Amino acid sequence: MSTRVPVRVALAEFEDIVTRGLSAMIEEDENLELVATGINHDQLSTALGEHEPDVAILNFGSLTSAAELRDLHRRFPKTRLVVLANRPTAVESRQLLAVGATACLSKSSEARDVLHAIHLASRGLHVLPATEPGDGPPPGLDVLTHRESEVMELLRSGRSNAEIAHTLHVSVETVRTHARRIYRKLGVKTRRELRALR
């Protein structure tokens, strides 16, 4: 009989009540081990290096940019990053996944959904929040459009511009235009860099 090794979880700093709720919820799950809690934004890299969690739960509100999330993903590739945000849109969530998050959830998610996301993320499975029809990107945020998200996934899968154009029923030049916009928005220059964002 083998014993299951608990998933090691680090929890960034949130509003006090959110931190307490998340901590209690994680500690109640026998398959999770809380290794750090209330990690200040400035201490995040140090704590991830020191504790080496399987999953880190991050506060979207404390991140300065998508590039910061990408850098954390690059520095700690074995740690799955779960981002909690206030009502993230589908577009915003996909962009966070594109730059290194494994999951993106709303802070208003039910406890069981957050626990489920932690377990799925620990296995490398991506989790997006349920969204309301008609949700659009937040004002002022340079996020990928729905079509750009589709093109990005096809680019990352290794398909050529011609294959993507055929799949989406658009011209090759349209695919090139989308690719340029995706690269600019995600801060990459090549398909290789785009694939490395996983």
N, C-alpha and C. Protein backbone atom coordinates (compact mmCIF):
# COMPACT_ATOMS: atom_id res chain seq x y z
N MET A 1 0.85 -1.19 0.00
CA MET A 1 0.00 0.00 0.00
C MET A 1 0.88 1.24 0.00
N SER A 2 0.69 2.10 -0.97
CA SER A 2 1.51 3.30 -1.05
C SER A 2 0.76 4.48 -0.46
N THR A 3 1.50 5.34 0.21
CA THR A 3 0.89 6.55 0.76
C THR A 3 1.07 7.67 -0.24
N ARG A 4 0.05 8.48 -0.34
CA ARG A 4 0.06 9.58 -1.29
C ARG A 4 0.82 10.76 -0.70
N VAL A 5 1.75 11.30 -1.46
CA VAL A 5 2.51 12.47 -1.02
C VAL A 5 1.65 13.70 -1.21
N PRO A 6 1.46 14.50 -0.16
CA PRO A 6 0.60 15.68 -0.31
C PRO A 6 1.21 16.71 -1.26
N VAL A 7 0.33 17.45 -1.92
CA VAL A 7 0.74 18.55 -2.80
C VAL A 7 1.16 19.71 -1.91
N ARG A 8 2.38 20.20 -2.12
CA ARG A 8 2.91 21.31 -1.32
C ARG A 8 2.41 22.63 -1.92
N VAL A 9 1.76 23.45 -1.08
CA VAL A 9 1.13 24.69 -1.55
C VAL A 9 1.71 25.89 -0.82
N ALA A 10 2.04 26.93 -1.58
CA ALA A 10 2.45 28.22 -1.02
C ALA A 10 1.36 29.23 -1.36
N LEU A 11 1.06 30.09 -0.42
CA LEU A 11 -0.03 31.04 -0.57
C LEU A 11 0.49 32.46 -0.44
N ALA A 12 0.31 33.24 -1.50
CA ALA A 12 0.73 34.65 -1.48
C ALA A 12 -0.17 35.44 -0.55
N GLU A 13 0.19 36.68 -0.35
CA GLU A 13 -0.59 37.57 0.51
C GLU A 13 -1.85 38.05 -0.22
N PHE A 14 -2.98 37.91 0.46
CA PHE A 14 -4.27 38.40 -0.02
C PHE A 14 -4.85 39.28 1.07
N GLU A 15 -6.06 39.75 0.87
CA GLU A 15 -6.78 40.43 1.93
C GLU A 15 -6.88 39.44 3.09
N ASP A 16 -6.87 39.94 4.32
CA ASP A 16 -6.80 39.07 5.50
C ASP A 16 -7.82 37.95 5.49
N ILE A 17 -9.07 38.27 5.21
CA ILE A 17 -10.12 37.25 5.27
C ILE A 17 -9.92 36.20 4.18
N VAL A 18 -9.43 36.60 3.01
CA VAL A 18 -9.17 35.66 1.92
C VAL A 18 -8.01 34.74 2.30
N THR A 19 -6.94 35.31 2.86
CA THR A 19 -5.80 34.50 3.28
C THR A 19 -6.23 33.47 4.32
N ARG A 20 -7.01 33.90 5.31
CA ARG A 20 -7.46 32.98 6.36
C ARG A 20 -8.34 31.87 5.79
N GLY A 21 -9.24 32.25 4.90
CA GLY A 21 -10.13 31.25 4.30
C GLY A 21 -9.37 30.24 3.46
N LEU A 22 -8.47 30.73 2.63
CA LEU A 22 -7.68 29.83 1.79
C LEU A 22 -6.80 28.91 2.64
N SER A 23 -6.17 29.49 3.66
CA SER A 23 -5.31 28.70 4.55
C SER A 23 -6.10 27.58 5.22
N ALA A 24 -7.25 27.91 5.79
CA ALA A 24 -8.08 26.91 6.48
C ALA A 24 -8.53 25.83 5.51
N MET A 25 -8.94 26.22 4.33
CA MET A 25 -9.42 25.28 3.33
C MET A 25 -8.32 24.30 2.92
N ILE A 26 -7.11 24.83 2.69
CA ILE A 26 -5.99 23.99 2.28
C ILE A 26 -5.58 23.04 3.42
N GLU A 27 -5.55 23.55 4.64
CA GLU A 27 -5.14 22.73 5.78
C GLU A 27 -6.14 21.60 6.06
N GLU A 28 -7.41 21.78 5.70
CA GLU A 28 -8.41 20.73 5.90
C GLU A 28 -8.29 19.59 4.90
N ASP A 29 -7.64 19.82 3.77
CA ASP A 29 -7.50 18.79 2.75
C ASP A 29 -6.25 17.96 3.06
N GLU A 30 -6.45 16.69 3.37
CA GLU A 30 -5.33 15.82 3.75
C GLU A 30 -4.34 15.57 2.62
N ASN A 31 -4.74 15.89 1.39
CA ASN A 31 -3.84 15.71 0.25
C ASN A 31 -3.06 16.97 -0.11
N LEU A 32 -3.22 18.01 0.73
CA LEU A 32 -2.49 19.26 0.52
C LEU A 32 -1.69 19.59 1.77
N GLU A 33 -0.52 20.20 1.56
CA GLU A 33 0.31 20.65 2.68
C GLU A 33 0.66 22.11 2.46
N LEU A 34 0.23 22.97 3.36
CA LEU A 34 0.52 24.39 3.26
C LEU A 34 1.93 24.64 3.79
N VAL A 35 2.85 25.01 2.89
CA VAL A 35 4.26 25.19 3.28
C VAL A 35 4.62 26.64 3.56
N ALA A 36 3.81 27.57 3.07
CA ALA A 36 4.04 29.00 3.32
C ALA A 36 2.73 29.73 3.08
N THR A 37 2.47 30.75 3.90
CA THR A 37 1.22 31.50 3.75
C THR A 37 1.47 32.99 3.96
N GLY A 38 0.65 33.80 3.30
CA GLY A 38 0.75 35.25 3.46
C GLY A 38 2.06 35.82 2.93
N ILE A 39 2.57 35.23 1.85
CA ILE A 39 3.85 35.67 1.29
C ILE A 39 3.69 37.04 0.65
N ASN A 40 4.42 38.01 1.16
CA ASN A 40 4.43 39.36 0.64
C ASN A 40 4.93 39.34 -0.81
N HIS A 41 4.36 40.20 -1.64
CA HIS A 41 4.74 40.26 -3.06
C HIS A 41 6.25 40.38 -3.25
N ASP A 42 6.89 41.22 -2.44
CA ASP A 42 8.34 41.43 -2.59
C ASP A 42 9.15 40.20 -2.21
N GLN A 43 8.59 39.29 -1.44
CA GLN A 43 9.28 38.09 -0.98
C GLN A 43 8.90 36.84 -1.76
N LEU A 44 8.08 37.00 -2.80
CA LEU A 44 7.54 35.86 -3.52
C LEU A 44 8.63 34.96 -4.13
N SER A 45 9.56 35.55 -4.85
CA SER A 45 10.63 34.76 -5.48
C SER A 45 11.46 34.02 -4.44
N THR A 46 11.81 34.71 -3.38
CA THR A 46 12.61 34.09 -2.30
C THR A 46 11.85 32.92 -1.70
N ALA A 47 10.57 33.10 -1.40
CA ALA A 47 9.77 32.05 -0.78
C ALA A 47 9.59 30.85 -1.71
N LEU A 48 9.36 31.09 -3.00
CA LEU A 48 9.22 29.98 -3.94
C LEU A 48 10.52 29.20 -4.05
N GLY A 49 11.65 29.89 -4.04
CA GLY A 49 12.94 29.21 -4.08
C GLY A 49 13.22 28.42 -2.81
N GLU A 50 12.84 28.97 -1.69
CA GLU A 50 13.10 28.34 -0.40
C GLU A 50 12.18 27.14 -0.13
N HIS A 51 10.89 27.29 -0.40
CA HIS A 51 9.93 26.25 -0.05
C HIS A 51 9.67 25.24 -1.17
N GLU A 52 9.99 25.60 -2.41
CA GLU A 52 9.80 24.74 -3.58
C GLU A 52 8.42 24.08 -3.60
N PRO A 53 7.35 24.89 -3.57
CA PRO A 53 6.01 24.31 -3.57
C PRO A 53 5.66 23.69 -4.92
N ASP A 54 4.72 22.75 -4.90
CA ASP A 54 4.21 22.19 -6.15
C ASP A 54 3.26 23.20 -6.80
N VAL A 55 2.53 23.93 -5.95
CA VAL A 55 1.56 24.92 -6.42
C VAL A 55 1.72 26.19 -5.60
N ALA A 56 1.70 27.34 -6.28
CA ALA A 56 1.70 28.63 -5.60
C ALA A 56 0.43 29.37 -6.00
N ILE A 57 -0.30 29.86 -5.00
CA ILE A 57 -1.53 30.61 -5.27
C ILE A 57 -1.18 32.09 -5.18
N LEU A 58 -1.36 32.78 -6.30
CA LEU A 58 -0.94 34.19 -6.41
C LEU A 58 -2.14 35.12 -6.48
N ASN A 59 -1.95 36.32 -5.99
CA ASN A 59 -2.97 37.37 -6.01
C ASN A 59 -2.76 38.22 -7.26
N PHE A 60 -3.70 38.15 -8.19
CA PHE A 60 -3.58 38.92 -9.43
C PHE A 60 -3.40 40.41 -9.15
N GLY A 61 -4.07 40.90 -8.11
CA GLY A 61 -4.01 42.31 -7.77
C GLY A 61 -2.63 42.79 -7.36
N SER A 62 -1.77 41.88 -6.93
CA SER A 62 -0.43 42.29 -6.52
C SER A 62 0.60 42.16 -7.64
N LEU A 63 0.22 41.52 -8.74
CA LEU A 63 1.16 41.40 -9.87
C LEU A 63 1.24 42.72 -10.62
N THR A 64 2.45 43.09 -11.01
CA THR A 64 2.61 44.36 -11.71
C THR A 64 2.36 44.24 -13.21
N SER A 65 2.55 43.02 -13.77
CA SER A 65 2.35 42.82 -15.20
C SER A 65 2.35 41.33 -15.52
N ALA A 66 1.93 41.02 -16.74
CA ALA A 66 1.98 39.64 -17.21
C ALA A 66 3.44 39.16 -17.29
N ALA A 67 4.34 40.09 -17.57
CA ALA A 67 5.77 39.74 -17.66
C ALA A 67 6.28 39.23 -16.32
N GLU A 68 5.77 39.76 -15.22
CA GLU A 68 6.18 39.30 -13.90
C GLU A 68 5.77 37.83 -13.70
N LEU A 69 4.58 37.50 -14.14
CA LEU A 69 4.11 36.11 -14.04
C LEU A 69 4.98 35.21 -14.92
N ARG A 70 5.29 35.66 -16.12
CA ARG A 70 6.15 34.89 -17.04
C ARG A 70 7.52 34.65 -16.40
N ASP A 71 8.08 35.67 -15.75
CA ASP A 71 9.39 35.52 -15.10
C ASP A 71 9.34 34.51 -13.96
N LEU A 72 8.27 34.54 -13.16
CA LEU A 72 8.13 33.56 -12.08
C LEU A 72 8.06 32.15 -12.66
N HIS A 73 7.30 32.01 -13.74
CA HIS A 73 7.18 30.69 -14.39
C HIS A 73 8.54 30.20 -14.90
N ARG A 74 9.31 31.09 -15.48
CA ARG A 74 10.63 30.71 -15.99
C ARG A 74 11.60 30.35 -14.87
N ARG A 75 11.57 31.11 -13.77
CA ARG A 75 12.48 30.87 -12.65
C ARG A 75 12.12 29.60 -11.87
N PHE A 76 10.82 29.29 -11.81
CA PHE A 76 10.35 28.15 -11.02
C PHE A 76 9.44 27.26 -11.87
N PRO A 77 9.99 26.61 -12.89
CA PRO A 77 9.16 25.86 -13.84
C PRO A 77 8.43 24.67 -13.22
N LYS A 78 8.90 24.17 -12.09
CA LYS A 78 8.24 23.01 -11.47
C LYS A 78 7.08 23.43 -10.56
N THR A 79 6.97 24.71 -10.27
CA THR A 79 5.87 25.21 -9.43
C THR A 79 4.74 25.66 -10.34
N ARG A 80 3.57 25.09 -10.13
CA ARG A 80 2.38 25.48 -10.90
C ARG A 80 1.80 26.74 -10.28
N LEU A 81 1.50 27.73 -11.10
CA LEU A 81 1.03 29.02 -10.62
C LEU A 81 -0.48 29.14 -10.81
N VAL A 82 -1.20 29.27 -9.71
CA VAL A 82 -2.64 29.45 -9.72
C VAL A 82 -2.91 30.91 -9.36
N VAL A 83 -3.57 31.63 -10.25
CA VAL A 83 -3.82 33.05 -10.05
C VAL A 83 -5.29 33.26 -9.68
N LEU A 84 -5.51 33.98 -8.57
CA LEU A 84 -6.87 34.35 -8.18
C LEU A 84 -7.06 35.83 -8.46
N ALA A 85 -8.16 36.15 -9.14
CA ALA A 85 -8.43 37.54 -9.55
C ALA A 85 -9.89 37.87 -9.26
N ASN A 86 -10.20 39.16 -9.27
CA ASN A 86 -11.59 39.60 -9.14
C ASN A 86 -12.26 39.49 -10.51
N ARG A 87 -13.19 38.57 -10.66
CA ARG A 87 -13.94 38.37 -11.91
C ARG A 87 -13.08 38.42 -13.17
N PRO A 88 -12.11 37.51 -13.32
CA PRO A 88 -11.30 37.53 -14.54
C PRO A 88 -12.14 37.12 -15.75
N THR A 89 -11.93 37.80 -16.86
CA THR A 89 -12.62 37.45 -18.10
C THR A 89 -11.93 36.26 -18.74
N ALA A 90 -12.58 35.64 -19.69
CA ALA A 90 -11.99 34.51 -20.40
C ALA A 90 -10.73 34.95 -21.14
N VAL A 91 -10.78 36.11 -21.74
CA VAL A 91 -9.62 36.61 -22.49
C VAL A 91 -8.44 36.87 -21.55
N GLU A 92 -8.72 37.53 -20.45
CA GLU A 92 -7.69 37.82 -19.47
C GLU A 92 -7.10 36.51 -18.92
N SER A 93 -7.96 35.55 -18.64
CA SER A 93 -7.50 34.26 -18.11
C SER A 93 -6.62 33.53 -19.11
N ARG A 94 -7.01 33.54 -20.35
CA ARG A 94 -6.20 32.87 -21.38
C ARG A 94 -4.83 33.54 -21.51
N GLN A 95 -4.80 34.85 -21.39
CA GLN A 95 -3.52 35.53 -21.47
C GLN A 95 -2.63 35.12 -20.29
N LEU A 96 -3.20 35.01 -19.11
CA LEU A 96 -2.42 34.58 -17.95
C LEU A 96 -1.89 33.17 -18.15
N LEU A 97 -2.71 32.29 -18.72
CA LEU A 97 -2.23 30.93 -19.00
C LEU A 97 -1.13 30.96 -20.05
N ALA A 98 -1.25 31.86 -21.00
CA ALA A 98 -0.24 31.95 -22.06
C ALA A 98 1.12 32.37 -21.54
N VAL A 99 1.15 33.11 -20.44
CA VAL A 99 2.44 33.59 -19.94
C VAL A 99 2.96 32.79 -18.74
N GLY A 100 2.25 31.70 -18.38
CA GLY A 100 2.82 30.84 -17.36
C GLY A 100 1.91 30.36 -16.25
N ALA A 101 0.73 30.94 -16.11
CA ALA A 101 -0.19 30.43 -15.09
C ALA A 101 -0.70 29.07 -15.51
N THR A 102 -0.96 28.22 -14.54
CA THR A 102 -1.57 26.92 -14.83
C THR A 102 -3.07 27.02 -14.64
N ALA A 103 -3.50 27.90 -13.76
CA ALA A 103 -4.93 28.09 -13.52
C ALA A 103 -5.20 29.55 -13.20
N CYS A 104 -6.41 29.98 -13.53
CA CYS A 104 -6.86 31.33 -13.21
C CYS A 104 -8.31 31.20 -12.75
N LEU A 105 -8.56 31.69 -11.53
CA LEU A 105 -9.90 31.59 -10.96
C LEU A 105 -10.33 32.92 -10.37
N SER A 106 -11.62 33.06 -10.20
CA SER A 106 -12.16 34.23 -9.54
C SER A 106 -12.02 34.06 -8.03
N LYS A 107 -11.76 35.16 -7.33
CA LYS A 107 -11.70 35.11 -5.87
C LYS A 107 -13.05 34.71 -5.27
N SER A 108 -14.10 34.84 -6.05
CA SER A 108 -15.42 34.47 -5.54
C SER A 108 -15.77 33.01 -5.83
N SER A 109 -14.81 32.24 -6.33
CA SER A 109 -15.06 30.82 -6.60
C SER A 109 -15.39 30.09 -5.31
N GLU A 110 -16.18 29.05 -5.42
CA GLU A 110 -16.50 28.23 -4.25
C GLU A 110 -15.27 27.46 -3.82
N ALA A 111 -15.21 27.12 -2.54
CA ALA A 111 -14.05 26.44 -1.96
C ALA A 111 -13.72 25.16 -2.71
N ARG A 112 -14.74 24.37 -3.03
CA ARG A 112 -14.47 23.10 -3.73
C ARG A 112 -13.84 23.32 -5.10
N ASP A 113 -14.21 24.43 -5.76
CA ASP A 113 -13.64 24.73 -7.07
C ASP A 113 -12.18 25.13 -6.96
N VAL A 114 -11.84 25.88 -5.91
CA VAL A 114 -10.45 26.26 -5.69
C VAL A 114 -9.61 25.02 -5.37
N LEU A 115 -10.11 24.16 -4.49
CA LEU A 115 -9.38 22.93 -4.16
C LEU A 115 -9.21 22.06 -5.39
N HIS A 116 -10.26 21.94 -6.17
CA HIS A 116 -10.20 21.15 -7.40
C HIS A 116 -9.14 21.73 -8.35
N ALA A 117 -9.11 23.04 -8.47
CA ALA A 117 -8.12 23.70 -9.34
C ALA A 117 -6.70 23.45 -8.85
N ILE A 118 -6.49 23.48 -7.53
CA ILE A 118 -5.15 23.22 -6.98
C ILE A 118 -4.71 21.81 -7.35
N HIS A 119 -5.59 20.84 -7.18
CA HIS A 119 -5.24 19.45 -7.50
C HIS A 119 -4.98 19.27 -9.00
N LEU A 120 -5.83 19.87 -9.84
CA LEU A 120 -5.61 19.77 -11.28
C LEU A 120 -4.32 20.47 -11.70
N ALA A 121 -4.09 21.64 -11.15
CA ALA A 121 -2.87 22.40 -11.48
C ALA A 121 -1.63 21.61 -11.07
N SER A 122 -1.69 20.93 -9.93
CA SER A 122 -0.53 20.17 -9.47
C SER A 122 -0.14 19.07 -10.47
N ARG A 123 -1.11 18.67 -11.29
CA ARG A 123 -0.84 17.66 -12.32
C ARG A 123 -0.58 18.31 -13.69
N GLY A 124 -0.51 19.65 -13.70
CA GLY A 124 -0.20 20.36 -14.94
C GLY A 124 -1.39 20.64 -15.83
N LEU A 125 -2.61 20.42 -15.33
CA LEU A 125 -3.80 20.67 -16.13
C LEU A 125 -4.24 22.12 -15.96
N HIS A 126 -4.61 22.75 -17.05
CA HIS A 126 -5.02 24.15 -17.03
C HIS A 126 -6.48 24.30 -16.59
N VAL A 127 -6.73 25.33 -15.81
CA VAL A 127 -8.08 25.60 -15.30
C VAL A 127 -8.41 27.06 -15.55
N LEU A 128 -9.59 27.29 -16.14
CA LEU A 128 -10.08 28.65 -16.37
C LEU A 128 -11.38 28.85 -15.59
N PRO A 129 -11.68 30.08 -15.23
CA PRO A 129 -12.93 30.32 -14.50
C PRO A 129 -14.13 30.24 -15.41
N ALA A 130 -15.28 29.96 -14.80
CA ALA A 130 -16.53 30.07 -15.55
C ALA A 130 -16.76 31.56 -15.79
N THR A 131 -17.23 31.90 -16.96
CA THR A 131 -17.45 33.33 -17.27
C THR A 131 -18.89 33.55 -17.69
N GLU A 132 -19.29 34.78 -17.57
CA GLU A 132 -20.63 35.17 -17.99
C GLU A 132 -20.61 35.49 -19.48
N PRO A 133 -21.69 35.17 -20.20
CA PRO A 133 -21.75 35.54 -21.61
C PRO A 133 -21.57 37.04 -21.77
N GLY A 134 -20.79 37.44 -22.75
CA GLY A 134 -20.59 38.85 -23.02
C GLY A 134 -19.48 39.49 -22.22
N ASP A 135 -18.81 38.71 -21.35
CA ASP A 135 -17.68 39.28 -20.61
C ASP A 135 -16.63 39.76 -21.60
N GLY A 136 -16.14 40.93 -21.40
CA GLY A 136 -15.10 41.46 -22.25
C GLY A 136 -13.86 41.73 -21.44
N PRO A 137 -12.77 42.17 -22.09
CA PRO A 137 -11.56 42.45 -21.35
C PRO A 137 -11.72 43.67 -20.46
N PRO A 138 -10.98 43.72 -19.34
CA PRO A 138 -11.07 44.89 -18.50
C PRO A 138 -10.50 46.11 -19.22
N PRO A 139 -10.98 47.31 -18.91
CA PRO A 139 -10.51 48.51 -19.59
C PRO A 139 -9.02 48.72 -19.39
N GLY A 140 -8.34 49.08 -20.48
CA GLY A 140 -6.94 49.44 -20.40
C GLY A 140 -5.96 48.29 -20.41
N LEU A 141 -6.46 47.04 -20.43
CA LEU A 141 -5.55 45.89 -20.41
C LEU A 141 -5.38 45.40 -21.84
N ASP A 142 -4.15 45.23 -22.27
CA ASP A 142 -3.84 44.80 -23.62
C ASP A 142 -3.85 43.27 -23.66
N VAL A 143 -5.04 42.69 -23.83
CA VAL A 143 -5.19 41.25 -23.80
C VAL A 143 -5.43 40.70 -25.20
N LEU A 144 -5.28 39.39 -25.32
CA LEU A 144 -5.53 38.74 -26.59
C LEU A 144 -7.02 38.69 -26.87
N THR A 145 -7.38 38.89 -28.13
CA THR A 145 -8.77 38.72 -28.54
C THR A 145 -9.06 37.22 -28.61
N HIS A 146 -10.33 36.90 -28.76
CA HIS A 146 -10.71 35.48 -28.89
C HIS A 146 -9.99 34.84 -30.07
N ARG A 147 -9.98 35.52 -31.21
CA ARG A 147 -9.33 34.96 -32.41
C ARG A 147 -7.82 34.83 -32.19
N GLU A 148 -7.20 35.83 -31.55
CA GLU A 148 -5.77 35.75 -31.27
C GLU A 148 -5.46 34.57 -30.34
N SER A 149 -6.35 34.29 -29.40
CA SER A 149 -6.16 33.14 -28.52
C SER A 149 -6.19 31.84 -29.32
N GLU A 150 -7.13 31.76 -30.27
CA GLU A 150 -7.20 30.57 -31.14
C GLU A 150 -5.93 30.42 -31.95
N VAL A 151 -5.48 31.51 -32.56
CA VAL A 151 -4.26 31.47 -33.37
C VAL A 151 -3.07 31.10 -32.50
N MET A 152 -2.99 31.67 -31.30
CA MET A 152 -1.87 31.38 -30.39
C MET A 152 -1.79 29.88 -30.08
N GLU A 153 -2.93 29.26 -29.79
CA GLU A 153 -2.92 27.83 -29.49
C GLU A 153 -2.43 27.02 -30.69
N LEU A 154 -2.84 27.40 -31.88
CA LEU A 154 -2.41 26.69 -33.08
C LEU A 154 -0.92 26.93 -33.35
N LEU A 155 -0.45 28.15 -33.11
CA LEU A 155 0.98 28.44 -33.26
C LEU A 155 1.79 27.59 -32.29
N ARG A 156 1.32 27.51 -31.06
CA ARG A 156 2.04 26.75 -30.04
C ARG A 156 2.02 25.26 -30.33
N SER A 157 1.03 24.79 -31.06
CA SER A 157 0.98 23.37 -31.38
C SER A 157 1.90 23.01 -32.54
N GLY A 158 2.55 24.02 -33.13
CA GLY A 158 3.53 23.76 -34.19
C GLY A 158 2.98 23.83 -35.60
N ARG A 159 1.76 24.28 -35.76
CA ARG A 159 1.19 24.35 -37.11
C ARG A 159 1.77 25.53 -37.89
N SER A 160 1.83 25.36 -39.19
CA SER A 160 2.34 26.42 -40.07
C SER A 160 1.25 27.47 -40.27
N ASN A 161 1.65 28.63 -40.78
CA ASN A 161 0.67 29.69 -41.07
C ASN A 161 -0.39 29.19 -42.04
N ALA A 162 0.02 28.43 -43.05
CA ALA A 162 -0.93 27.91 -44.03
C ALA A 162 -1.93 26.94 -43.38
N GLU A 163 -1.45 26.08 -42.49
CA GLU A 163 -2.34 25.14 -41.79
C GLU A 163 -3.33 25.88 -40.90
N ILE A 164 -2.83 26.92 -40.22
CA ILE A 164 -3.71 27.70 -39.35
C ILE A 164 -4.77 28.43 -40.20
N ALA A 165 -4.33 29.01 -41.31
CA ALA A 165 -5.27 29.70 -42.20
C ALA A 165 -6.36 28.75 -42.68
N HIS A 166 -5.98 27.54 -43.06
CA HIS A 166 -6.94 26.54 -43.53
C HIS A 166 -7.91 26.16 -42.40
N THR A 167 -7.38 25.92 -41.20
CA THR A 167 -8.21 25.52 -40.06
C THR A 167 -9.23 26.60 -39.69
N LEU A 168 -8.79 27.86 -39.71
CA LEU A 168 -9.66 28.96 -39.28
C LEU A 168 -10.42 29.63 -40.43
N HIS A 169 -10.17 29.17 -41.66
CA HIS A 169 -10.84 29.72 -42.84
C HIS A 169 -10.55 31.20 -43.01
N VAL A 170 -9.26 31.56 -42.89
CA VAL A 170 -8.80 32.93 -43.10
C VAL A 170 -7.58 32.88 -44.02
N SER A 171 -7.08 34.05 -44.42
CA SER A 171 -5.91 34.09 -45.30
C SER A 171 -4.63 33.93 -44.48
N VAL A 172 -3.57 33.56 -45.17
CA VAL A 172 -2.26 33.43 -44.52
C VAL A 172 -1.82 34.78 -43.98
N GLU A 173 -2.11 35.85 -44.70
CA GLU A 173 -1.73 37.19 -44.23
C GLU A 173 -2.47 37.55 -42.94
N THR A 174 -3.72 37.13 -42.81
CA THR A 174 -4.46 37.37 -41.57
C THR A 174 -3.79 36.65 -40.41
N VAL A 175 -3.34 35.43 -40.64
CA VAL A 175 -2.63 34.67 -39.61
C VAL A 175 -1.35 35.41 -39.21
N ARG A 176 -0.62 35.90 -40.20
CA ARG A 176 0.62 36.66 -39.91
C ARG A 176 0.31 37.90 -39.05
N THR A 177 -0.76 38.60 -39.40
CA THR A 177 -1.15 39.79 -38.63
C THR A 177 -1.47 39.41 -37.19
N HIS A 178 -2.25 38.36 -37.02
CA HIS A 178 -2.58 37.90 -35.66
C HIS A 178 -1.30 37.50 -34.91
N ALA A 179 -0.42 36.80 -35.58
CA ALA A 179 0.83 36.35 -34.93
C ALA A 179 1.65 37.55 -34.44
N ARG A 180 1.77 38.59 -35.28
CA ARG A 180 2.52 39.79 -34.88
C ARG A 180 1.91 40.42 -33.63
N ARG A 181 0.59 40.51 -33.62
CA ARG A 181 -0.09 41.11 -32.46
C ARG A 181 0.10 40.25 -31.20
N ILE A 182 0.03 38.95 -31.35
CA ILE A 182 0.22 38.03 -30.22
C ILE A 182 1.62 38.19 -29.65
N TYR A 183 2.62 38.19 -30.52
CA TYR A 183 4.01 38.33 -30.07
C TYR A 183 4.19 39.64 -29.31
N ARG A 184 3.62 40.72 -29.86
CA ARG A 184 3.75 42.03 -29.21
C ARG A 184 3.08 42.02 -27.83
N LYS A 185 1.87 41.51 -27.76
CA LYS A 185 1.13 41.53 -26.51
C LYS A 185 1.77 40.64 -25.44
N LEU A 186 2.38 39.54 -25.86
CA LEU A 186 2.97 38.61 -24.89
C LEU A 186 4.46 38.85 -24.68
N GLY A 187 5.03 39.79 -25.42
CA GLY A 187 6.43 40.13 -25.22
C GLY A 187 7.41 39.08 -25.71
N VAL A 188 7.05 38.38 -26.80
CA VAL A 188 7.95 37.38 -27.38
C VAL A 188 8.25 37.76 -28.82
N LYS A 189 9.27 37.13 -29.39
CA LYS A 189 9.66 37.47 -30.76
C LYS A 189 9.55 36.31 -31.73
N THR A 190 9.50 35.08 -31.22
CA THR A 190 9.48 33.91 -32.10
C THR A 190 8.48 32.87 -31.61
N ARG A 191 8.20 31.90 -32.48
CA ARG A 191 7.33 30.79 -32.09
C ARG A 191 7.97 29.95 -30.99
N ARG A 192 9.26 29.83 -31.05
CA ARG A 192 9.97 29.07 -30.01
C ARG A 192 9.74 29.71 -28.64
N GLU A 193 9.85 31.05 -28.57
CA GLU A 193 9.60 31.76 -27.29
C GLU A 193 8.13 31.60 -26.89
N LEU A 194 7.22 31.62 -27.86
CA LEU A 194 5.80 31.44 -27.57
C LEU A 194 5.54 30.06 -26.98
N ARG A 195 6.14 29.02 -27.56
CA ARG A 195 5.97 27.66 -27.03
C ARG A 195 6.58 27.53 -25.65
N ALA A 196 7.63 28.28 -25.35
CA ALA A 196 8.30 28.20 -24.06
C ALA A 196 7.46 28.82 -22.94
N LEU A 197 6.40 29.55 -23.27
CA LEU A 197 5.55 30.18 -22.26
C LEU A 197 4.68 29.19 -21.52
N ARG A 198 4.60 27.97 -21.98
CA ARG A 198 3.72 26.97 -21.34
C ARG A 198 4.02 26.80 -19.90
